[in-house]
Amino acid sequence: MMASEQQVWASLILIKHEGSQRKTSWKDPDCRIISATTLDVAIPELCSLHDNITSGRTHFEEVASRHSHCSSAKSGGDLGALGRGQMQKPFDDATFSLKVGEISDIVDTDSGVHIILRTG
């Protein structure tokens, strides 16, 4: 699993909200929770999850499996290998700026708000 300047491995935790492009997720197929969640609610929720991970109270994979709206939750948030330009620009920029093992701050994209873990 060698990363290059053009490819990284990453995992994510995604919280969708009413402003997200696609409001359905494996966790909320009818969009009821997501449609009722504002960005002002999603960010503090993600910040709390971020704090639990960085303080060692829980593991990234556990949080992703339970809380992420992305289908990658089924694999602990693992997205596998990502090429430059494959994801939305804010996500791409954040992922490529991380060192292996580092966790991003909150990253806001059209899909929702994310925490990204660079795994390779």
C-alpha atoms as a PDB file:
ATOM      1  CA  MET A   1       0.000   0.000   0.000  1.00  0.00           C
ATOM      2  CA  MET A   2       2.332   2.717  -1.253  1.00  0.00           C
ATOM      3  CA  ALA A   3       0.947   6.222  -1.507  1.00  0.00           C
ATOM      4  CA  SER A   4       2.195   8.581  -4.171  1.00  0.00           C
ATOM      5  CA  GLU A   5       1.675  12.235  -4.924  1.00  0.00           C
ATOM      6  CA  GLN A   6      -1.186  11.159  -7.182  1.00  0.00           C
ATOM      7  CA  GLN A   7      -2.880   8.551  -4.964  1.00  0.00           C
ATOM      8  CA  VAL A   8      -3.711   8.139  -1.277  1.00  0.00           C
ATOM      9  CA  TRP A   9      -5.666   5.684   0.848  1.00  0.00           C
ATOM     10  CA  ALA A  10      -8.280   7.177   3.142  1.00  0.00           C
ATOM     11  CA  SER A  11     -11.259   6.514   5.377  1.00  0.00           C
ATOM     12  CA  LEU A  12     -14.049   8.921   6.188  1.00  0.00           C
ATOM     13  CA  ILE A  13     -16.930   9.719   8.473  1.00  0.00           C
ATOM     14  CA  LEU A  14     -19.689  11.626   6.669  1.00  0.00           C
ATOM     15  CA  ILE A  15     -22.612  13.428   8.271  1.00  0.00           C
ATOM     16  CA  LYS A  16     -25.193  14.597   5.744  1.00  0.00           C
ATOM     17  CA  HIS A  17     -27.599  17.487   6.357  1.00  0.00           C
ATOM     18  CA  GLU A  18     -30.469  19.286   4.653  1.00  0.00           C
ATOM     19  CA  GLY A  19     -28.059  21.069   2.306  1.00  0.00           C
ATOM     20  CA  SER A  20     -26.325  17.887   1.145  1.00  0.00           C
ATOM     21  CA  GLN A  21     -26.504  17.016  -2.556  1.00  0.00           C
ATOM     22  CA  ARG A  22     -27.896  13.515  -2.093  1.00  0.00           C
ATOM     23  CA  LYS A  23     -29.959  13.164   1.026  1.00  0.00           C
ATOM     24  CA  THR A  24     -30.350   9.379   1.097  1.00  0.00           C
ATOM     25  CA  SER A  25     -27.885   7.120   2.851  1.00  0.00           C
ATOM     26  CA  TRP A  26     -27.667   3.536   4.040  1.00  0.00           C
ATOM     27  CA  LYS A  27     -28.399   4.882   7.518  1.00  0.00           C
ATOM     28  CA  ASP A  28     -31.358   7.050   6.513  1.00  0.00           C
ATOM     29  CA  PRO A  29     -32.882   5.633   3.287  1.00  0.00           C
ATOM     30  CA  ASP A  30     -36.031   7.775   3.587  1.00  0.00           C
ATOM     31  CA  CYS A  31     -34.026  10.999   4.228  1.00  0.00           C
ATOM     32  CA  ARG A  32     -36.055  11.825   7.327  1.00  0.00           C
ATOM     33  CA  ILE A  33     -33.113  12.419   9.673  1.00  0.00           C
ATOM     34  CA  ILE A  34     -30.908  14.058   7.049  1.00  0.00           C
ATOM     35  CA  SER A  35     -33.658  16.399   5.812  1.00  0.00           C
ATOM     36  CA  ALA A  36     -34.288  17.502   9.400  1.00  0.00           C
ATOM     37  CA  THR A  37     -30.582  18.076  10.198  1.00  0.00           C
ATOM     38  CA  THR A  38     -29.082  21.506   9.597  1.00  0.00           C
ATOM     39  CA  LEU A  39     -25.402  22.244   9.007  1.00  0.00           C
ATOM     40  CA  ASP A  40     -25.426  23.943  12.438  1.00  0.00           C
ATOM     41  CA  VAL A  41     -26.366  20.580  13.996  1.00  0.00           C
ATOM     42  CA  ALA A  42     -24.153  18.383  11.792  1.00  0.00           C
ATOM     43  CA  ILE A  43     -20.901  20.237  12.547  1.00  0.00           C
ATOM     44  CA  PRO A  44     -21.098  19.999  16.377  1.00  0.00           C
ATOM     45  CA  GLU A  45     -22.104  16.329  16.064  1.00  0.00           C
ATOM     46  CA  LEU A  46     -19.034  15.652  13.928  1.00  0.00           C
ATOM     47  CA  CYS A  47     -16.817  17.731  16.245  1.00  0.00           C
ATOM     48  CA  SER A  48     -17.938  15.581  19.179  1.00  0.00           C
ATOM     49  CA  LEU A  49     -17.123  12.394  17.240  1.00  0.00           C
ATOM     50  CA  HIS A  50     -13.748  13.891  16.251  1.00  0.00           C
ATOM     51  CA  ASP A  51     -12.971  14.655  19.927  1.00  0.00           C
ATOM     52  CA  ASN A  52     -13.881  11.102  20.964  1.00  0.00           C
ATOM     53  CA  ILE A  53     -11.490   9.690  18.357  1.00  0.00           C
ATOM     54  CA  THR A  54      -8.562  12.045  18.965  1.00  0.00           C
ATOM     55  CA  SER A  55      -8.831  11.627  22.749  1.00  0.00           C
ATOM     56  CA  GLY A  56      -8.678   7.845  22.363  1.00  0.00           C
ATOM     57  CA  ARG A  57     -12.166   7.207  23.796  1.00  0.00           C
ATOM     58  CA  THR A  58     -13.122   5.379  20.611  1.00  0.00           C
ATOM     59  CA  HIS A  59     -11.613   4.232  17.307  1.00  0.00           C
ATOM     60  CA  PHE A  60     -12.180   5.851  13.926  1.00  0.00           C
ATOM     61  CA  GLU A  61     -13.485   2.610  12.402  1.00  0.00           C
ATOM     62  CA  GLU A  62     -16.049   2.116  15.186  1.00  0.00           C
ATOM     63  CA  VAL A  63     -17.366   5.667  14.817  1.00  0.00           C
ATOM     64  CA  ALA A  64     -17.536   5.370  11.025  1.00  0.00           C
ATOM     65  CA  SER A  65     -19.426   2.062  11.267  1.00  0.00           C
ATOM     66  CA  ARG A  66     -22.015   3.519  13.635  1.00  0.00           C
ATOM     67  CA  HIS A  67     -22.385   7.147  12.545  1.00  0.00           C
ATOM     68  CA  SER A  68     -21.218   7.737   8.958  1.00  0.00           C
ATOM     69  CA  HIS A  69     -23.870   8.271   6.298  1.00  0.00           C
ATOM     70  CA  CYS A  70     -21.495   6.960   3.613  1.00  0.00           C
ATOM     71  CA  SER A  71     -21.844   3.369   2.420  1.00  0.00           C
ATOM     72  CA  SER A  72     -18.159   2.961   3.368  1.00  0.00           C
ATOM     73  CA  ALA A  73     -19.440   2.735   6.974  1.00  0.00           C
ATOM     74  CA  LYS A  74     -19.851  -0.992   6.347  1.00  0.00           C
ATOM     75  CA  SER A  75     -16.055  -1.230   6.071  1.00  0.00           C
ATOM     76  CA  GLY A  76     -15.211   1.136   8.936  1.00  0.00           C
ATOM     77  CA  GLY A  77     -15.142   4.139   6.611  1.00  0.00           C
ATOM     78  CA  ASP A  78     -12.471   2.704   4.296  1.00  0.00           C
ATOM     79  CA  LEU A  79     -12.579   4.291   0.828  1.00  0.00           C
ATOM     80  CA  GLY A  80      -9.495   2.482  -0.442  1.00  0.00           C
ATOM     81  CA  ALA A  81      -7.211   4.185  -2.943  1.00  0.00           C
ATOM     82  CA  LEU A  82      -8.167   7.631  -4.215  1.00  0.00           C
ATOM     83  CA  GLY A  83      -6.592   9.455  -7.133  1.00  0.00           C
ATOM     84  CA  ARG A  84      -6.113  13.210  -7.296  1.00  0.00           C
ATOM     85  CA  GLY A  85      -9.277  14.891  -8.551  1.00  0.00           C
ATOM     86  CA  GLN A  86     -11.464  11.847  -7.886  1.00  0.00           C
ATOM     87  CA  MET A  87     -13.337  13.466  -4.992  1.00  0.00           C
ATOM     88  CA  GLN A  88     -14.768  16.972  -4.500  1.00  0.00           C
ATOM     89  CA  LYS A  89     -12.016  19.604  -4.260  1.00  0.00           C
ATOM     90  CA  PRO A  90     -12.256  20.362  -0.502  1.00  0.00           C
ATOM     91  CA  PHE A  91     -12.135  16.619   0.264  1.00  0.00           C
ATOM     92  CA  ASP A  92      -9.315  16.050  -2.220  1.00  0.00           C
ATOM     93  CA  ASP A  93      -7.251  18.969  -0.865  1.00  0.00           C
ATOM     94  CA  ALA A  94      -7.709  17.864   2.743  1.00  0.00           C
ATOM     95  CA  THR A  95      -6.901  14.208   2.048  1.00  0.00           C
ATOM     96  CA  PHE A  96      -3.732  14.914   0.106  1.00  0.00           C
ATOM     97  CA  SER A  97      -2.511  17.403   2.745  1.00  0.00           C
ATOM     98  CA  LEU A  98      -2.692  14.835   5.565  1.00  0.00           C
ATOM     99  CA  LYS A  99       0.191  12.624   6.616  1.00  0.00           C
ATOM    100  CA  VAL A 100      -0.471   8.887   6.954  1.00  0.00           C
ATOM    101  CA  GLY A 101      -2.303   8.308  10.266  1.00  0.00           C
ATOM    102  CA  GLU A 102      -3.480  11.924  10.531  1.00  0.00           C
ATOM    103  CA  ILE A 103      -7.135  12.889  10.959  1.00  0.00           C
ATOM    104  CA  SER A 104      -8.501  16.030   9.325  1.00  0.00           C
ATOM    105  CA  ASP A 105     -10.488  18.778  10.920  1.00  0.00           C
ATOM    106  CA  ILE A 106     -14.076  19.141   9.671  1.00  0.00           C
ATOM    107  CA  VAL A 107     -14.212  19.238   5.863  1.00  0.00           C
ATOM    108  CA  ASP A 108     -17.364  20.708   4.297  1.00  0.00           C
ATOM    109  CA  THR A 109     -18.362  19.582   0.770  1.00  0.00           C
ATOM    110  CA  ASP A 110     -21.546  19.428  -1.276  1.00  0.00           C
ATOM    111  CA  SER A 111     -22.048  15.892   0.079  1.00  0.00           C
ATOM    112  CA  GLY A 112     -22.007  16.922   3.753  1.00  0.00           C
ATOM    113  CA  VAL A 113     -19.392  17.347   6.468  1.00  0.00           C
ATOM    114  CA  HIS A 114     -16.544  14.867   6.848  1.00  0.00           C
ATOM    115  CA  ILE A 115     -13.660  13.758   9.028  1.00  0.00           C
ATOM    116  CA  ILE A 116     -10.956  12.099   6.945  1.00  0.00           C
ATOM    117  CA  LEU A 117      -8.304   9.646   8.126  1.00  0.00           C
ATOM    118  CA  ARG A 118      -5.388   9.154   5.756  1.00  0.00           C
ATOM    119  CA  THR A 119      -4.459   5.485   5.925  1.00  0.00           C
ATOM    120  CA  GLY A 120      -1.797   5.297   3.214  1.00  0.00           C
END
